[in-house]
Amino acid sequence: MHREDDLATIAAFYRRVQWTALALGVVWVVWLLAPILSPFVFAALLGWLGDPMVDRLEARRLQRNTAVVLVFSVMTLVLAIVAILLVPLLEQQLVTLVESLPNYRDWFVQTALPWIERRTGLQILSWLDPERLFQLIREHWQSAGGVAATVLGYVSRSGFALMGWLANIVLLPVLTFFFLRDWDLLVERVGALVPRDHYDTVRRLARESDEVLGGFLRGQLTVMLILGVMYAIGLWAVGLNLGILIGLIAGLLTFVPYLGPASIVVFGGIAALVQYGDWQHLAGVAVVFTVGQIIESYWLTPKLVGDKIGLHPMAVIFAVMAGGTLFGFLGMLLALPVAAVANVLLRYAQDRYRHSRLYAGDAAAIAPEPAAVVSAEPAAVVSAEPPADGREPPAT
């Protein structure tokens, strides 16, 4: 018996080693293919978000292909309208930003740095003196040459990067259509690869992850859109030339806790100081920030997002930073979905751990014998003689 238990333990250990090796291999392959996986991942997310609408149309007796064409057309139309509305505004805002760069430079050198020097005692402006900079360049000419070569190499690589981005933009609608059409088929094929012994558990965890992730992403995208529009309109009403650009950036950064509001305070405050230099417009930026935070905290996030992802804000920030460090843009794109799924798996692992011998100990592994219940009534006395009719006495 002990030998059979030992063999079963060894076999289970080897299975765990095999699954761990497989997981590490998948992570390594994703790391290698990260530069080309971004359009596939983004298209998969769009297909996953649109699949429930396709399923609802199928439930109304539409064919799958017809439902996919309808959903894909609506998604394309929405994206086209957003692009038509935003591209001219963003182009105008970028032109304004470029024209305002000298003003920002002058404010930084003539106002911000002297204010910092007066309060800290640091001599920062002396390091930014043009003569000193030219002297440093002459003293480190070889290093500067190496930097110049690096910059030229980066510029040359940027051309290929731009071509890659254009190719990704062209591929994105094609990949999204195929993901929408074949999503259920892909899910079935992945489910068929799951070991039968663990199929029910994997299916339950997958459904839980899908509910958590779907609710979070749909709600968070809505919150980002509403806050971006609200911040842009608010800063534009304050009178900032770059208010629309700052507001949209803050809305996009809302998915990282505290980063979106911080961008409103920092970028909006600097823009108000550079453009006007008075406290009235700075107070206007503070009003926009306060109103946005009240609406987000008391209405948008509780109603649309809630606590669906179940992650602490520090965990979200760490996930985004770790994903960007390990896998670049692809890692930032996958950070929150992977973190949400990992949180579901960690809750399952915690539940298994609390029911294991490692947590409960050997004493809890053996259930104690139930104590006999002593009745307050006296026990019935059974006569040793059989009854007169010859039947057996009843058992007590």
Foldseek 3Di string as FASTA:
>chain_A
DVVVVVVVVVVVVVVVVVVVVVVVVVVVVCLVCLVPCVLLVVLLVLLLLQQVQLVVVVVVVDDSLVSLVVSLVVVVVVVVVCCVVVVVVVVQLVVVVVVCVVLLVCCCLPPVVVVVCVVPVDDPVVCVDPVNVVVVCVVPVVVVVVVVVVVVVVVVVVVVVVVVVVVSVVCNSVSNSVCNSCVVVVVVVVLVPDPPVCSVVVVVLVVLLSQLVNLQVVLLVVQLVVQLVLQLVQLVVLPQSNRNVLSNVLSVPVQQPPPSLVSLLVVVQSSCCSVPNDVVSNVSSVVSSVVSCCCVVPPSCCVRHNCSLVDDSVQLNVLLVVLCVSSNPSSNVCSSSVSSSVVSVVVVVVVVVCVDCVNVPPVVVDDDDDDDDDDPDDDDDDDPDADPVPDHDDDD
